[in-house]
C-alpha atoms as a PDB file:
ATOM      1  CA  MET A   1      -5.350 -11.899 -11.456  1.00  0.00           C
ATOM      2  CA  ASN A   2      -1.571 -10.330 -12.143  1.00  0.00           C
ATOM      3  CA  ALA A   3      -1.605  -8.708  -8.920  1.00  0.00           C
ATOM      4  CA  LEU A   4      -1.754 -11.849  -6.525  1.00  0.00           C
ATOM      5  CA  PRO A   5       1.746 -12.814  -7.381  1.00  0.00           C
ATOM      6  CA  LYS A   6       3.122  -9.856  -6.732  1.00  0.00           C
ATOM      7  CA  ILE A   7       1.318  -9.496  -3.264  1.00  0.00           C
ATOM      8  CA  GLN A   8       2.129 -13.032  -2.163  1.00  0.00           C
ATOM      9  CA  ARG A   9       5.755 -12.230  -3.337  1.00  0.00           C
ATOM     10  CA  GLY A  10       5.735  -9.220  -1.130  1.00  0.00           C
ATOM     11  CA  TYR A  11       5.111 -11.738   2.001  1.00  0.00           C
ATOM     12  CA  PRO A  12       6.909 -12.427   3.959  1.00  0.00           C
ATOM     13  CA  PRO A  13      10.099 -10.182   2.488  1.00  0.00           C
ATOM     14  CA  ASP A  14      13.308 -11.462   1.406  1.00  0.00           C
ATOM     15  CA  ILE A  15      16.348 -11.915   3.856  1.00  0.00           C
ATOM     16  CA  LYS A  16      18.358  -9.710   0.792  1.00  0.00           C
ATOM     17  CA  GLU A  17      15.466  -7.086   1.557  1.00  0.00           C
ATOM     18  CA  ILE A  18      15.539  -7.211   5.508  1.00  0.00           C
ATOM     19  CA  ARG A  19      18.925  -6.664   5.521  1.00  0.00           C
ATOM     20  CA  TRP A  20      19.231  -3.881   2.936  1.00  0.00           C
ATOM     21  CA  MET A  21      16.202  -2.106   4.816  1.00  0.00           C
ATOM     22  CA  ALA A  22      18.169  -2.674   8.300  1.00  0.00           C
ATOM     23  CA  MET A  23      21.461  -1.335   6.706  1.00  0.00           C
ATOM     24  CA  ILE A  24      19.898   1.988   5.680  1.00  0.00           C
ATOM     25  CA  PHE A  25      18.338   2.093   8.815  1.00  0.00           C
ATOM     26  CA  THR A  26      21.677   1.664  10.808  1.00  0.00           C
ATOM     27  CA  LYS A  27      23.152   4.442   8.356  1.00  0.00           C
ATOM     28  CA  LEU A  28      20.656   6.802   9.169  1.00  0.00           C
ATOM     29  CA  VAL A  29      20.852   6.444  13.164  1.00  0.00           C
ATOM     30  CA  ILE A  30      25.109   6.201  12.957  1.00  0.00           C
ATOM     31  CA  PHE A  31      24.545   9.686  10.735  1.00  0.00           C
ATOM     32  CA  THR A  32      22.076  11.195  12.898  1.00  0.00           C
ATOM     33  CA  GLU A  33      24.315  10.305  16.014  1.00  0.00           C
ATOM     34  CA  LEU A  34      27.027  11.818  14.082  1.00  0.00           C
ATOM     35  CA  ARG A  35      25.599  15.378  13.437  1.00  0.00           C
ATOM     36  CA  GLN A  36      24.357  15.573  16.868  1.00  0.00           C
ATOM     37  CA  VAL A  37      27.911  14.924  18.498  1.00  0.00           C
ATOM     38  CA  GLY A  38      29.322  16.951  15.777  1.00  0.00           C
ATOM     39  CA  LEU A  39      26.930  20.041  16.938  1.00  0.00           C
ATOM     40  CA  LYS A  40      27.512  19.441  20.598  1.00  0.00           C
ATOM     41  CA  LEU A  41      31.310  19.097  19.464  1.00  0.00           C
ATOM     42  CA  GLU A  42      30.888  22.698  17.326  1.00  0.00           C
ATOM     43  CA  ALA A  43      29.146  24.180  20.525  1.00  0.00           C
ATOM     44  CA  THR A  44      31.747  23.347  22.965  1.00  0.00           C
ATOM     45  CA  THR A  45      34.533  24.757  20.897  1.00  0.00           C
ATOM     46  CA  PHE A  46      32.750  28.147  20.348  1.00  0.00           C
ATOM     47  CA  LEU A  47      32.249  28.423  24.179  1.00  0.00           C
ATOM     48  CA  VAL A  48      35.629  27.371  24.570  1.00  0.00           C
ATOM     49  CA  SER A  49      36.868  29.742  22.503  1.00  0.00           C
ATOM     50  CA  HIS A  50      35.157  32.494  23.646  1.00  0.00           C
ATOM     51  CA  ALA A  51      35.519  31.206  27.496  1.00  0.00           C
ATOM     52  CA  LEU A  52      39.727  32.016  26.321  1.00  0.00           C
ATOM     53  CA  LYS A  53      39.471  35.024  24.761  1.00  0.00           C
END
């Protein structure tokens, strides 16, 4: 009987919970985007430095 209130409280999720999840998701997306951009920049600088030698 104690499990029922927990399940009901979980749906629908709180606004705070949704915001928190969205924030984490956004940060993850931004982080992966930045990493990809960083890798591209590294590759470009590597190629340029080798072309100039």
